[in-house]
Amino acid sequence: MSEFELPSLAIVGHPNKGKSSIVSTLSQDGSVGISPVSGTTVVNRSFPMRVDGTTLYQLIDTPGFQRSRSAMDWMQQHSTSASDHRQTVINFVEQHKEDPRFEAECQLLEPILKGAGILYVIDGSTPYGPEYDAEMEILRWTGQPSMALINQIGEAEYFDQWQQPLAQYFKIVRTFDAQQASFERQVQLLTGFSELADSWRDPLQKAASILRQQRKNRIIQASDSIIETLISMSNYSQRIPVRESSTESEQDRLTLQFQKSLVAMEAANRVEIEQLFQHHQLERSDTEFSLTEDDLFSENTWSVFGLTRDQLVTTGIVGGAAGGSLMDIGSGGLTLFLGSGLGALVGGASAWFGSQQMIKTKILGLPLGGSELVIGPVVNPNFQWVVLGRAINHLQHICRRTHARRDTLILGNDELSVSIEQATESSGEQHFSDKLEKDEKNSLRSILNRIANQKALTESDRQKFSRIISRQIPGWYE
């Protein structure tokens, strides 16, 4: 009889084998303590998996075995037959719960003896040894449903060596990479737990369905957040009083401040999405709102995320009937949008992608005298595609990232450029829009044009946008 009302799993095993990483990933909780130092977990800690306030299951992080062979020796000395194995384990815990030598064993066995299932974790990068037999035998004596998990740390070169001994003790043996497991792989592991006990089958299958729906809802919410940010950034402008004596350097400073405001909008959207996916402790490499080589307005960013001239023509954003908005640059045949009141052009590709040719700037007279400088909005036809491409890239990183990871999220363009080049070599695709169906591309082009022209979007536009963006994300369910 279990003392737990919901499916509960005790994550057990040798110290420093990735137990806490598995708990963190499966509970979607980045607060789980994870360290390469052995013995980080010294007491049991429960991590419930909740959706909309309802607990679906709980995972119990436990200390690692410390003296399993000595504990097993005691149990064998006090057992007369297989029929008393569970009671012998109970007696061991009762007699040794105040004994510091067996503190870890008593801690980890406590939730199991109360009815928790067993998820026994081993490290596939370390060889099997007979010292593990005592751990597995103690767990078998408890009589609780159990599964073994080979954590794919490093190369997991001893995977085959572990298969036979684990199969002797556990009905189900699975492999799992807590650092890299896809969302669907996590759900599949959860449904595997339902095979351990009949009473768990329905609640865990229901939990898997709820988690998939939650994933879908989060992606839709993220898409809504992206489109609202895109609208805000596309409409943004600053109006600042200026003196007749204002210098060009002052105008440059104000333009830089305008750029930083847009960068801050993008950063706020990223934080919102990270919070939505429960990445509360996530560190990003672009935390500071500084204009670096990988920021929103860098040439590298525009060359990675922006459309080429041919792609803009193909999508209908740039055409021959654009009137006075476009100018052909004789050297190289490039076409770019010019904001009124801007300075000299730079040549080559940087002219097409450069931020200095995309911000609308003008000086207006005030009714009571004086002038004001109006900076913005951004009027380059590539701007919405760049912002959207960066947003999709960030969302894809977040959706792929497990909660067990503690490394800094790097969103640099250099790394992305390499991945795009590799994808281009294998598939010929150079931009995320190349993956869209013709009707999707037309719909997205129309939506981005409406945003660029500061026209209100219909509910149908928003639904189409959400569907198009959602399909770019791993773990999307129709």
Protein backbone atom coordinates (compact mmCIF):
# COMPACT_ATOMS: atom_id res chain seq x y z
CA MET A 1 0.00 0.00 0.00
CA SER A 2 1.42 3.37 -1.03
CA GLU A 3 1.33 6.39 1.23
CA PHE A 4 1.51 8.60 -1.87
CA GLU A 5 -1.74 9.71 -3.53
CA LEU A 6 -0.05 10.33 -6.90
CA PRO A 7 2.60 8.42 -8.87
CA SER A 8 5.91 9.02 -7.10
CA LEU A 9 9.38 8.00 -8.21
CA ALA A 10 12.49 7.87 -6.07
CA ILE A 11 15.57 8.58 -8.19
CA VAL A 12 18.32 6.44 -6.68
CA GLY A 13 21.79 5.16 -7.47
CA HIS A 14 25.49 5.66 -6.88
CA PRO A 15 26.68 9.17 -5.99
CA ASN A 16 27.40 11.59 -8.83
CA LYS A 17 25.67 9.60 -11.59
CA GLY A 18 23.34 12.36 -12.75
CA LYS A 19 20.32 11.62 -10.56
CA SER A 20 19.64 15.29 -9.83
CA SER A 21 20.00 16.17 -13.52
CA ILE A 22 17.29 13.66 -14.37
CA VAL A 23 15.04 15.05 -11.65
CA SER A 24 15.60 18.58 -12.94
CA THR A 25 14.75 17.64 -16.54
CA LEU A 26 11.69 15.52 -15.77
CA SER A 27 10.25 17.99 -13.27
CA GLN A 28 11.11 21.02 -15.47
CA ASP A 29 12.67 22.60 -12.41
CA GLY A 30 15.95 24.46 -12.73
CA SER A 31 16.25 24.92 -8.97
CA VAL A 32 17.40 21.32 -8.43
CA GLY A 33 20.93 21.37 -7.05
CA ILE A 34 23.37 19.98 -9.61
CA SER A 35 27.14 19.79 -9.14
CA PRO A 36 30.05 17.70 -10.44
CA VAL A 37 31.06 17.26 -6.80
CA SER A 38 29.93 13.93 -5.37
CA GLY A 39 27.43 14.04 -2.53
CA THR A 40 25.61 17.28 -3.43
CA THR A 41 22.28 15.69 -2.45
CA VAL A 42 22.38 14.71 1.24
CA VAL A 43 18.66 14.58 2.09
CA ASN A 44 15.55 13.60 0.18
CA ARG A 45 13.78 16.40 -1.67
CA SER A 46 10.50 16.11 -3.54
CA PHE A 47 9.85 17.90 -6.83
CA PRO A 48 6.19 17.81 -7.88
CA MET A 49 5.32 18.25 -11.54
CA ARG A 50 2.44 20.74 -11.60
CA VAL A 51 0.37 22.06 -14.49
CA ASP A 52 -2.17 24.82 -13.82
CA GLY A 53 -1.96 24.15 -10.09
CA THR A 54 -2.59 20.40 -10.41
CA THR A 55 0.16 17.98 -9.39
CA LEU A 56 0.56 15.20 -11.96
CA TYR A 57 3.37 13.21 -10.29
CA GLN A 58 6.37 13.79 -8.09
CA LEU A 59 10.05 12.95 -8.34
CA ILE A 60 12.15 12.43 -5.23
CA ASP A 61 15.83 13.28 -5.42
CA THR A 62 17.79 11.11 -2.99
CA PRO A 63 21.37 10.80 -1.68
CA GLY A 64 23.57 8.24 -3.36
CA PHE A 65 24.34 4.83 -1.86
CA GLN A 66 27.40 4.97 0.41
CA ARG A 67 27.68 1.58 2.18
CA SER A 68 25.44 -0.69 0.17
CA ARG A 69 27.55 -3.85 0.65
CA SER A 70 27.61 -3.45 4.42
CA ALA A 71 23.86 -2.81 4.41
CA MET A 72 23.28 -5.87 2.22
CA ASP A 73 25.42 -8.02 4.54
CA TRP A 74 23.24 -7.00 7.50
CA MET A 75 20.04 -7.78 5.61
CA GLN A 76 21.26 -11.21 4.48
CA GLN A 77 22.19 -12.06 8.06
CA HIS A 78 18.71 -11.15 9.30
CA SER A 79 16.65 -12.74 6.53
CA THR A 80 15.49 -16.36 6.45
CA SER A 81 13.65 -16.44 3.09
CA ALA A 82 12.49 -14.31 0.16
CA SER A 83 9.14 -13.86 1.90
CA ASP A 84 10.68 -11.59 4.53
CA HIS A 85 12.93 -9.49 2.27
CA ARG A 86 10.80 -6.34 2.37
CA GLN A 87 10.30 -6.56 6.12
CA THR A 88 14.05 -7.04 6.52
CA VAL A 89 14.69 -3.80 4.66
CA ILE A 90 12.13 -2.06 6.88
CA ASN A 91 13.86 -3.45 9.97
CA PHE A 92 17.24 -2.26 8.68
CA VAL A 93 15.97 1.30 8.30
CA GLU A 94 14.33 1.26 11.71
CA GLN A 95 17.45 0.06 13.45
CA HIS A 96 19.93 2.27 11.58
CA LYS A 97 18.08 5.56 10.99
CA GLU A 98 20.19 7.23 13.70
CA ASP A 99 23.42 5.54 12.59
CA PRO A 100 25.55 8.05 10.62
CA ARG A 101 27.23 5.18 8.75
CA PHE A 102 23.97 4.34 6.96
CA GLU A 103 22.41 7.78 6.81
CA ALA A 104 22.32 7.80 3.00
CA GLU A 105 20.86 4.30 2.72
CA CYS A 106 18.10 5.05 5.24
CA GLN A 107 17.30 8.34 3.51
CA LEU A 108 16.92 6.89 0.04
CA LEU A 109 14.99 3.82 1.19
CA GLU A 110 12.43 5.84 3.17
CA PRO A 111 10.24 7.01 0.21
CA ILE A 112 10.55 3.61 -1.47
CA LEU A 113 9.21 1.82 1.61
CA LYS A 114 6.34 4.34 1.67
CA GLY A 115 5.32 3.28 -1.83
CA ALA A 116 7.45 5.25 -4.31
CA GLY A 117 8.57 3.51 -7.47
CA ILE A 118 12.27 3.13 -8.20
CA LEU A 119 14.25 4.77 -10.98
CA TYR A 120 17.78 3.41 -10.64
CA VAL A 121 20.33 5.60 -12.44
CA ILE A 122 23.77 4.54 -13.60
CA ASP A 123 26.42 6.37 -15.59
CA GLY A 124 27.02 4.79 -18.98
CA SER A 125 30.49 6.34 -19.18
CA THR A 126 31.79 4.29 -16.21
CA PRO A 127 32.30 0.52 -16.23
CA TYR A 128 30.07 -1.93 -14.42
CA GLY A 129 31.49 -3.37 -11.18
CA PRO A 130 30.27 -5.88 -8.57
CA GLU A 131 29.85 -3.08 -6.00
CA TYR A 132 26.66 -2.12 -7.85
CA ASP A 133 25.13 -5.57 -7.27
CA ALA A 134 24.46 -4.80 -3.60
CA GLU A 135 22.58 -1.60 -4.52
CA MET A 136 20.39 -3.39 -7.04
CA GLU A 137 19.76 -6.31 -4.70
CA ILE A 138 18.64 -4.01 -1.87
CA LEU A 139 16.24 -2.28 -4.25
CA ARG A 140 14.87 -5.63 -5.41
CA TRP A 141 14.26 -6.66 -1.80
CA THR A 142 11.91 -3.70 -1.31
CA GLY A 143 9.49 -5.26 -3.81
CA GLN A 144 8.66 -1.90 -5.37
CA PRO A 145 8.15 -1.40 -9.14
CA SER A 146 11.47 -0.40 -10.67
CA MET A 147 13.15 0.78 -13.84
CA ALA A 148 16.84 1.22 -14.64
CA LEU A 149 18.07 4.24 -16.53
CA ILE A 150 21.46 4.47 -18.23
CA ASN A 151 22.37 8.14 -18.11
CA GLN A 152 24.26 9.04 -21.28
CA ILE A 153 27.04 11.07 -19.70
CA GLY A 154 29.90 11.66 -22.11
CA GLU A 155 30.40 8.89 -24.65
CA ALA A 156 28.50 6.24 -22.63
CA GLU A 157 31.13 3.75 -23.85
CA TYR A 158 30.16 1.09 -21.30
CA PHE A 159 26.54 0.93 -22.37
CA ASP A 160 26.72 -2.70 -23.60
CA GLN A 161 28.55 -3.80 -20.46
CA TRP A 162 25.66 -2.59 -18.30
CA GLN A 163 22.83 -4.19 -20.26
CA GLN A 164 23.07 -7.75 -18.92
CA PRO A 165 23.42 -7.04 -15.17
CA LEU A 166 20.66 -4.43 -15.27
CA ALA A 167 18.32 -6.80 -17.11
CA GLN A 168 18.68 -9.31 -14.26
CA TYR A 169 17.32 -6.84 -11.72
CA PHE A 170 14.96 -4.59 -13.65
CA LYS A 171 12.01 -5.27 -15.92
CA ILE A 172 12.61 -2.11 -17.94
CA VAL A 173 16.00 -0.64 -18.91
CA ARG A 174 16.12 2.65 -20.80
CA THR A 175 18.79 5.12 -21.91
CA PHE A 176 18.40 8.84 -21.35
CA ASP A 177 20.47 12.00 -21.76
CA ALA A 178 19.31 14.47 -19.11
CA GLN A 179 21.27 17.29 -20.76
CA GLN A 180 20.04 16.86 -24.34
CA ALA A 181 16.79 14.86 -24.24
CA SER A 182 14.07 16.27 -26.47
CA PHE A 183 10.70 17.09 -24.98
CA GLU A 184 9.12 14.08 -26.69
CA ARG A 185 11.87 11.82 -25.31
CA GLN A 186 11.05 13.09 -21.82
CA VAL A 187 7.35 12.31 -22.29
CA GLN A 188 8.16 8.85 -23.64
CA LEU A 189 10.19 8.11 -20.52
CA LEU A 190 7.26 9.24 -18.40
CA THR A 191 4.86 6.93 -20.22
CA GLY A 192 7.39 4.14 -19.70
CA PHE A 193 6.88 4.54 -15.96
CA SER A 194 3.20 3.66 -16.47
CA GLU A 195 4.30 0.11 -17.27
CA LEU A 196 5.66 -0.33 -13.75
CA ALA A 197 2.32 -0.47 -11.94
CA ASP A 198 -1.29 -0.87 -13.09
CA SER A 199 -2.41 1.91 -10.74
CA TRP A 200 -0.04 4.32 -12.48
CA ARG A 201 -1.10 3.63 -16.06
CA ASP A 202 -4.08 5.97 -16.32
CA PRO A 203 -2.69 8.90 -14.29
CA LEU A 204 0.67 8.86 -16.12
CA GLN A 205 -0.93 8.54 -19.54
CA LYS A 206 -3.15 11.48 -18.60
CA ALA A 207 -0.10 13.39 -17.36
CA ALA A 208 1.65 12.83 -20.71
CA SER A 209 -1.38 14.19 -22.57
CA ILE A 210 -1.53 17.25 -20.29
CA LEU A 211 2.18 17.95 -20.73
CA ARG A 212 1.88 17.80 -24.52
CA GLN A 213 -1.04 20.22 -24.43
CA GLN A 214 0.89 22.50 -22.09
CA ARG A 215 3.82 22.45 -24.51
CA LYS A 216 1.50 23.41 -27.37
CA ASN A 217 -0.06 26.22 -25.33
CA ARG A 218 3.35 27.58 -24.35
CA ILE A 219 4.51 27.71 -27.95
CA ILE A 220 1.32 29.52 -28.95
CA GLN A 221 1.79 31.99 -26.08
CA ALA A 222 5.42 32.51 -27.13
CA SER A 223 4.27 33.17 -30.69
CA ASP A 224 1.76 35.76 -29.43
CA SER A 225 4.50 37.43 -27.40
CA ILE A 226 6.78 37.56 -30.43
CA ILE A 227 4.19 39.22 -32.64
CA GLU A 228 3.38 41.84 -29.97
CA THR A 229 7.09 42.61 -29.60
CA LEU A 230 7.48 42.78 -33.38
CA ILE A 231 4.62 45.30 -33.59
CA SER A 232 6.05 47.41 -30.76
CA MET A 233 9.54 47.45 -32.29
CA SER A 234 8.21 48.25 -35.76
CA ASN A 235 6.12 51.19 -34.49
CA TYR A 236 8.69 52.62 -32.10
CA SER A 237 10.02 56.16 -32.49
CA GLN A 238 11.54 58.82 -30.24
CA ARG A 239 10.85 62.57 -30.33
CA ILE A 240 13.53 64.73 -28.73
CA PRO A 241 13.80 68.57 -28.64
CA VAL A 242 16.95 69.82 -30.36
CA ARG A 243 18.84 73.10 -30.35
CA GLU A 244 20.08 74.89 -33.41
CA SER A 245 23.55 74.27 -32.05
CA SER A 246 23.04 70.50 -31.87
CA THR A 247 26.03 68.69 -33.26
CA GLU A 248 26.17 65.63 -35.44
CA SER A 249 27.67 63.69 -32.52
CA GLU A 250 24.58 64.49 -30.43
CA GLN A 251 22.35 63.12 -33.16
CA ASP A 252 24.51 60.01 -33.33
CA ARG A 253 24.13 59.62 -29.58
CA LEU A 254 20.34 59.89 -29.84
CA THR A 255 20.30 57.35 -32.66
CA LEU A 256 22.33 54.98 -30.52
CA GLN A 257 19.84 55.44 -27.69
CA PHE A 258 17.02 54.61 -30.10
CA GLN A 259 18.80 51.39 -31.08
CA LYS A 260 19.34 50.47 -27.45
CA SER A 261 15.63 50.91 -26.75
CA LEU A 262 14.81 48.38 -29.47
CA VAL A 263 17.47 46.00 -28.16
CA ALA A 264 15.86 46.28 -24.70
CA MET A 265 12.44 45.40 -26.17
CA GLU A 266 13.91 42.30 -27.76
CA ALA A 267 15.66 41.33 -24.51
CA ALA A 268 12.44 41.75 -22.52
CA ASN A 269 10.65 39.42 -24.94
CA ARG A 270 13.37 36.81 -24.48
CA VAL A 271 13.05 36.95 -20.71
CA GLU A 272 9.26 36.60 -20.99
CA ILE A 273 9.61 33.48 -23.13
CA GLU A 274 12.25 31.96 -20.84
CA GLN A 275 9.95 32.47 -17.86
CA LEU A 276 7.07 30.93 -19.81
CA PHE A 277 9.10 27.73 -20.24
CA GLN A 278 10.17 27.76 -16.56
CA HIS A 279 13.80 28.65 -17.23
CA HIS A 280 13.94 30.98 -14.26
CA GLN A 281 17.66 30.53 -13.54
CA LEU A 282 18.84 30.72 -17.14
CA GLU A 283 21.88 32.82 -17.95
CA ARG A 284 22.31 34.25 -21.45
CA SER A 285 25.44 35.64 -23.04
CA ASP A 286 23.54 38.78 -24.16
CA THR A 287 22.25 39.85 -20.73
CA GLU A 288 23.72 43.35 -21.03
CA PHE A 289 21.97 45.70 -23.47
CA SER A 290 25.18 46.63 -25.27
CA LEU A 291 25.54 46.88 -29.02
CA THR A 292 28.08 44.16 -29.71
CA GLU A 293 29.05 42.31 -32.86
CA ASP A 294 26.10 39.94 -32.31
CA ASP A 295 23.45 42.48 -31.39
CA LEU A 296 20.27 43.43 -33.25
CA PHE A 297 21.93 46.10 -35.39
CA SER A 298 25.19 44.43 -36.34
CA GLU A 299 26.03 43.69 -39.96
CA ASN A 300 26.61 40.06 -39.00
CA THR A 301 23.10 39.81 -37.55
CA TRP A 302 21.52 41.15 -40.71
CA SER A 303 23.54 38.88 -42.96
CA VAL A 304 22.42 35.85 -40.91
CA PHE A 305 18.76 36.63 -40.29
CA GLY A 306 17.81 39.04 -43.07
CA LEU A 307 16.54 38.07 -46.49
CA THR A 308 18.68 38.60 -49.56
CA ARG A 309 17.49 41.00 -52.23
CA ASP A 310 16.30 38.07 -54.37
CA GLN A 311 14.38 36.61 -51.42
CA LEU A 312 12.74 39.98 -50.73
CA VAL A 313 11.68 40.20 -54.37
CA THR A 314 10.40 36.62 -54.25
CA THR A 315 8.29 37.30 -51.16
CA GLY A 316 6.89 40.47 -52.74
CA ILE A 317 8.37 42.84 -50.14
CA VAL A 318 10.59 44.62 -52.66
CA GLY A 319 9.44 45.18 -56.23
CA GLY A 320 9.82 47.46 -59.21
CA ALA A 321 6.78 49.54 -58.25
CA ALA A 322 8.12 50.71 -54.90
CA GLY A 323 8.27 54.35 -56.04
CA GLY A 324 10.73 56.68 -54.42
CA SER A 325 11.34 54.39 -51.43
CA LEU A 326 14.08 52.43 -53.15
CA MET A 327 17.34 53.34 -54.82
CA ASP A 328 19.63 51.20 -56.92
CA ILE A 329 23.29 51.35 -56.00
CA GLY A 330 25.27 51.20 -59.23
CA SER A 331 28.23 49.33 -57.80
CA GLY A 332 27.02 45.78 -57.23
CA GLY A 333 23.39 46.32 -58.22
CA LEU A 334 22.14 46.25 -54.62
CA THR A 335 18.82 47.77 -53.61
CA LEU A 336 18.16 49.28 -50.20
CA PHE A 337 15.60 51.37 -48.39
CA LEU A 338 16.66 54.90 -47.52
CA GLY A 339 15.23 56.78 -44.54
CA SER A 340 14.94 60.52 -45.09
CA GLY A 341 17.59 62.72 -43.55
CA LEU A 342 20.33 60.04 -43.36
CA GLY A 343 23.97 60.43 -44.22
CA ALA A 344 26.29 58.79 -46.69
CA LEU A 345 25.90 55.20 -47.82
CA VAL A 346 28.41 52.45 -47.33
CA GLY A 347 29.17 50.10 -50.16
CA GLY A 348 28.74 46.42 -50.81
CA ALA A 349 26.79 44.04 -48.61
CA SER A 350 27.09 46.29 -45.57
CA ALA A 351 24.94 48.89 -47.35
CA TRP A 352 22.17 46.34 -47.72
CA PHE A 353 22.37 45.09 -44.15
CA GLY A 354 23.76 48.12 -42.30
CA SER A 355 21.66 49.72 -39.55
CA GLN A 356 22.67 53.25 -40.50
CA GLN A 357 20.53 53.06 -43.66
CA MET A 358 17.34 51.86 -42.02
CA ILE A 359 16.19 54.34 -39.35
CA LYS A 360 13.86 57.10 -40.42
CA THR A 361 15.02 60.47 -39.11
CA LYS A 362 13.49 63.93 -39.52
CA ILE A 363 13.41 67.33 -37.83
CA LEU A 364 10.05 68.99 -37.15
CA GLY A 365 9.23 72.53 -36.12
CA LEU A 366 7.36 72.99 -32.83
CA PRO A 367 4.25 75.26 -32.56
CA LEU A 368 5.89 77.50 -29.93
CA GLY A 369 9.21 77.65 -31.69
CA GLY A 370 12.27 75.45 -31.75
CA SER A 371 12.64 72.02 -33.30
CA GLU A 372 12.48 68.38 -32.36
CA LEU A 373 14.29 65.39 -33.75
CA VAL A 374 12.10 62.41 -34.59
CA ILE A 375 14.03 59.15 -34.76
CA GLY A 376 12.21 56.07 -36.00
CA PRO A 377 10.46 53.96 -36.84
CA VAL A 378 12.76 51.53 -38.59
CA VAL A 379 11.76 51.47 -42.25
CA ASN A 380 14.11 48.94 -43.83
CA PRO A 381 11.99 46.14 -45.38
CA ASN A 382 14.33 43.56 -43.88
CA PHE A 383 13.82 44.70 -40.30
CA GLN A 384 10.76 42.56 -39.48
CA TRP A 385 12.44 39.47 -40.95
CA VAL A 386 15.59 40.06 -38.89
CA VAL A 387 13.64 40.53 -35.65
CA LEU A 388 11.46 37.50 -36.40
CA GLY A 389 14.42 35.31 -37.35
CA ARG A 390 16.21 36.17 -34.10
CA ALA A 391 13.05 35.50 -32.10
CA ILE A 392 12.55 32.09 -33.72
CA ASN A 393 16.20 31.22 -33.14
CA HIS A 394 15.89 32.09 -29.44
CA LEU A 395 12.60 30.19 -29.06
CA GLN A 396 14.09 27.11 -30.72
CA HIS A 397 17.01 27.21 -28.26
CA ILE A 398 14.64 27.49 -25.30
CA CYS A 399 12.39 24.67 -26.51
CA ARG A 400 15.37 22.36 -26.98
CA ARG A 401 17.01 23.22 -23.68
CA THR A 402 16.46 20.87 -20.74
CA HIS A 403 16.21 22.25 -17.21
CA ALA A 404 19.24 20.19 -16.16
CA ARG A 405 21.62 22.36 -18.14
CA ARG A 406 23.60 24.92 -16.18
CA ASP A 407 25.77 26.31 -18.99
CA THR A 408 25.25 29.80 -20.37
CA LEU A 409 22.91 30.07 -23.36
CA ILE A 410 24.94 31.55 -26.23
CA LEU A 411 23.00 33.18 -29.05
CA GLY A 412 25.95 34.39 -31.10
CA ASN A 413 25.68 34.80 -34.85
CA ASP A 414 28.98 33.06 -35.58
CA GLU A 415 27.70 29.76 -34.25
CA LEU A 416 24.42 30.19 -36.09
CA SER A 417 26.21 31.07 -39.34
CA VAL A 418 28.05 27.75 -39.18
CA SER A 419 24.82 25.80 -38.63
CA ILE A 420 23.14 27.65 -41.51
CA GLU A 421 26.05 26.89 -43.82
CA GLN A 422 25.87 23.21 -42.85
CA ALA A 423 22.12 23.14 -43.44
CA THR A 424 22.58 24.88 -46.78
CA GLU A 425 25.11 22.29 -47.93
CA SER A 426 22.73 19.43 -47.12
CA SER A 427 19.35 20.91 -48.04
CA GLY A 428 19.94 24.10 -50.02
CA GLU A 429 17.97 26.09 -47.44
CA GLN A 430 19.46 29.43 -46.42
CA HIS A 431 16.68 31.03 -44.36
CA PHE A 432 13.84 29.77 -42.19
CA SER A 433 11.38 31.16 -44.76
CA ASP A 434 12.75 28.68 -47.30
CA LYS A 435 11.13 25.92 -45.24
CA LEU A 436 7.67 27.43 -45.55
CA GLU A 437 5.01 26.25 -47.95
CA LYS A 438 4.04 28.78 -50.63
CA ASP A 439 0.78 29.75 -48.91
CA GLU A 440 2.56 30.08 -45.56
CA LYS A 441 5.23 32.30 -47.06
CA ASN A 442 2.58 34.49 -48.70
CA SER A 443 0.65 34.76 -45.43
CA LEU A 444 3.76 35.64 -43.45
CA ARG A 445 4.84 38.20 -46.05
CA SER A 446 1.42 39.83 -45.89
CA ILE A 447 1.44 39.92 -42.07
CA LEU A 448 4.94 41.40 -41.86
CA ASN A 449 4.04 44.00 -44.48
CA ARG A 450 1.01 45.04 -42.44
CA ILE A 451 3.20 45.33 -39.34
CA ALA A 452 5.81 47.36 -41.25
CA ASN A 453 3.08 49.71 -42.50
CA GLN A 454 1.64 50.02 -38.97
CA LYS A 455 -1.69 48.49 -39.95
CA ALA A 456 -3.75 46.56 -37.41
CA LEU A 457 -3.71 42.77 -37.62
CA THR A 458 -6.92 40.78 -37.76
CA GLU A 459 -7.55 37.79 -35.53
CA SER A 460 -7.10 35.61 -38.60
CA ASP A 461 -3.67 37.20 -39.20
CA ARG A 462 -2.62 36.40 -35.64
CA GLN A 463 -3.79 32.80 -35.87
CA LYS A 464 -1.93 32.30 -39.16
CA PHE A 465 1.22 33.84 -37.69
CA SER A 466 1.01 31.64 -34.62
CA ARG A 467 0.58 28.49 -36.69
CA ILE A 468 3.47 29.35 -39.03
CA ILE A 469 5.86 30.14 -36.18
CA SER A 470 4.77 27.17 -34.07
CA ARG A 471 5.64 24.77 -36.87
CA GLN A 472 9.25 26.00 -36.77
CA ILE A 473 9.58 24.84 -33.16
CA PRO A 474 10.57 21.32 -31.96
CA GLY A 475 7.92 19.60 -29.91
CA TRP A 476 4.94 21.10 -31.74
CA TYR A 477 1.76 19.01 -31.75
CA GLU A 478 -0.97 19.49 -34.31
